[in-house]
Amino acid sequence: MANWRVRNKKPCPLNKIGQVKKWLSRQLVLGDRRHNDCVLSRTRV
């Protein structure tokens, strides 16, 4: 069954991979900002 599923799926086009990379980089940036905010608030208090 697993092999059949893989064959059934179409390979991801390059532009979709690019979109995923952009999304991941955005998530990393947002995570860094949140982390920095937490550190700043801790040092302030």
Protein backbone atom coordinates (compact mmCIF):
# COMPACT_ATOMS: atom_id res chain seq x y z
CA MET A 1 0.00 0.00 0.00
CA ALA A 2 2.81 2.42 0.84
CA ASN A 3 4.39 2.05 -2.61
CA TRP A 4 1.03 2.67 -4.29
CA ARG A 5 0.56 5.88 -2.29
CA VAL A 6 4.00 7.19 -3.27
CA ARG A 7 3.31 6.45 -6.95
CA ASN A 8 -0.06 8.17 -6.69
CA LYS A 9 1.47 11.40 -5.38
CA LYS A 10 2.81 13.86 -7.94
CA PRO A 11 6.35 15.19 -7.35
CA CYS A 12 6.41 18.66 -5.81
CA PRO A 13 7.19 21.40 -8.35
CA LEU A 14 10.20 23.61 -7.62
CA ASN A 15 8.07 26.70 -7.04
CA LYS A 16 6.20 24.91 -4.24
CA ILE A 17 9.51 23.98 -2.60
CA GLY A 18 10.48 27.67 -2.81
CA GLN A 19 7.22 28.66 -1.12
CA VAL A 20 7.85 26.17 1.68
CA LYS A 21 11.39 27.52 2.18
CA LYS A 22 10.03 31.09 2.34
CA TRP A 23 7.40 30.00 4.89
CA LEU A 24 9.99 28.19 7.00
CA SER A 25 12.32 31.20 6.98
CA ARG A 26 9.42 33.44 8.04
CA GLN A 27 8.55 31.07 10.89
CA LEU A 28 12.20 31.10 12.02
CA VAL A 29 12.27 34.91 11.99
CA LEU A 30 9.01 35.09 13.96
CA GLY A 31 10.35 32.53 16.46
CA ASP A 32 13.54 34.56 16.91
CA ARG A 33 11.55 37.75 17.51
CA ARG A 34 9.34 36.04 20.09
CA HIS A 35 12.40 34.58 21.80
CA ASN A 36 14.11 37.99 21.89
CA ASP A 37 10.96 39.59 23.34
CA CYS A 38 10.87 36.95 26.09
CA VAL A 39 14.54 37.54 26.93
CA LEU A 40 14.04 41.33 26.98
CA SER A 41 10.98 41.10 29.25
CA ARG A 42 12.87 38.79 31.62
CA THR A 43 15.86 41.13 31.84
CA ARG A 44 13.57 44.14 32.40
CA VAL A 45 11.79 42.44 35.30
